[in-house]
Protein backbone atom coordinates (compact mmCIF):
# COMPACT_ATOMS: atom_id res chain seq x y z
CA MET A 1 -0.74 9.74 21.99
CA SER A 2 -1.40 10.37 18.32
CA MET A 3 1.07 10.52 15.46
CA ALA A 4 1.95 13.80 13.80
CA LEU A 5 0.41 14.24 10.37
CA ASP A 6 3.72 13.73 8.53
CA GLU A 7 4.33 10.45 10.40
CA ARG A 8 0.76 9.31 9.76
CA LEU A 9 1.17 10.05 6.04
CA ARG A 10 4.49 8.20 5.78
CA SER A 11 2.99 5.24 7.65
CA ALA A 12 -0.06 5.22 5.40
CA ILE A 13 2.08 5.21 2.27
CA ALA A 14 4.28 2.43 3.67
CA ALA A 15 1.15 0.40 4.49
CA LEU A 16 -0.23 0.95 0.98
CA LEU A 17 3.06 -0.12 -0.57
CA HIS A 18 2.96 -3.28 1.54
CA ALA A 19 -0.72 -4.00 0.89
CA THR A 20 -0.31 -3.69 -2.87
CA GLY A 21 3.10 -5.32 -3.11
CA GLU A 22 4.51 -2.25 -4.81
CA SER A 23 8.02 -0.94 -4.29
CA GLN A 24 9.09 2.65 -3.84
CA ALA A 25 10.32 2.47 -7.44
CA ASP A 26 6.81 1.49 -8.60
CA LEU A 27 5.28 4.41 -6.72
CA ALA A 28 7.97 6.76 -8.03
CA ALA A 29 7.22 5.73 -11.61
CA ALA A 30 3.50 6.34 -11.08
CA LEU A 31 4.21 9.78 -9.60
CA ARG A 32 6.85 10.56 -12.25
CA VAL A 33 9.58 11.21 -9.70
CA SER A 34 12.73 9.29 -8.86
CA GLN A 35 12.84 6.44 -6.38
CA ALA A 36 15.33 8.53 -4.39
CA GLN A 37 12.71 11.29 -4.05
CA VAL A 38 10.17 8.81 -2.71
CA SER A 39 12.78 7.42 -0.35
CA ARG A 40 13.64 10.89 0.99
CA ARG A 41 9.96 11.64 1.56
CA GLN A 42 9.37 8.31 3.25
CA SER A 43 12.39 8.75 5.52
CA GLY A 44 11.29 12.24 6.53
CA ALA A 45 14.30 13.94 4.94
CA ALA A 46 11.86 15.70 2.57
CA ALA A 47 8.15 16.40 2.95
CA TRP A 48 5.23 15.07 0.94
CA SER A 49 3.43 18.07 -0.59
CA LEU A 50 -0.34 18.39 -0.85
CA THR A 51 0.02 17.85 -4.60
CA ASP A 52 1.97 14.65 -3.84
CA CYS A 53 -0.80 13.53 -1.49
CA ASP A 54 -3.39 14.02 -4.23
CA ALA A 55 -1.24 12.02 -6.66
CA VAL A 56 -0.61 9.19 -4.18
CA ALA A 57 -4.31 8.96 -3.31
CA ALA A 58 -5.26 8.92 -7.00
CA HIS A 59 -2.66 6.22 -7.69
CA TYR A 60 -4.12 3.99 -4.99
CA GLU A 61 -7.70 4.92 -5.91
CA ILE A 62 -8.54 6.22 -2.45
CA ASP A 63 -9.73 9.58 -1.17
CA VAL A 64 -6.95 11.88 -0.03
CA LEU A 65 -8.65 12.20 3.38
CA GLU A 66 -8.37 8.41 3.82
CA LEU A 67 -4.65 8.69 3.04
CA LEU A 68 -4.19 11.45 5.60
CA ALA A 69 -6.19 9.52 8.21
CA GLY A 70 -3.37 7.01 8.58
CA PRO A 71 -2.37 3.48 7.65
CA THR A 72 -5.45 1.65 8.87
CA ARG A 73 -7.97 3.88 7.10
CA ALA A 74 -5.82 4.07 3.96
CA THR A 75 -5.47 0.31 3.59
CA GLU A 76 -9.13 -0.32 4.49
CA SER A 77 -10.09 2.09 1.69
CA LEU A 78 -7.89 0.36 -0.86
CA PRO A 79 -10.02 -1.26 -3.60
CA ALA A 80 -9.87 -5.07 -3.51
CA GLN A 81 -8.39 -5.27 -7.01
CA ARG A 82 -5.41 -3.16 -5.87
CA ARG A 83 -4.51 -5.53 -3.03
CA ARG A 84 -1.88 -8.20 -3.57
CA PRO A 85 -3.18 -11.72 -3.07
CA ALA A 86 -2.61 -13.11 0.40
CA ARG A 87 0.11 -15.73 0.11
CA ARG A 88 -1.00 -17.82 3.06
CA THR A 89 -4.55 -18.05 1.80
CA ALA A 90 -3.42 -19.00 -1.70
CA ALA A 91 -1.06 -21.67 -0.37
CA ARG A 92 -3.72 -23.01 1.98
CA THR A 93 -6.23 -23.17 -0.90
CA ARG A 94 -3.74 -25.15 -3.02
CA ARG A 95 -3.07 -27.57 -0.16
CA THR A 96 -6.78 -28.03 0.49
CA ALA A 97 -7.48 -28.65 -3.20
CA ALA A 98 -4.60 -31.15 -3.41
CA ALA A 99 -5.85 -32.96 -0.29
CA GLN A 100 -9.37 -33.14 -1.71
CA GLU A 101 -8.07 -34.51 -5.01
CA GLY A 102 -6.01 -37.11 -3.16
CA GLY A 103 -8.98 -38.13 -1.02
CA ALA A 104 -11.34 -38.34 -3.99
CA ARG A 105 -9.30 -41.06 -5.71
């Protein structure tokens, strides 16, 4: 069973927000709309327009077709520099470096 296009789009935008660490307010500022408008669109109370889709895709530096393809394709298409750093990896790297320093003494 596949998701309807509007659900797929909302899921893709939610996944992009998560992957980049942005809030709805950040996206709203980039799109020059209010956070409430983004919230209504994300909840399904209002629809994302095709113009909105173009703007969201441009903001995340992905092709609009990748956005419409759903959350997996959208986040896989996200440029590496737009992704937030993985916290676990960063913490693990710090612990490994600290352990190596301690062992080198």
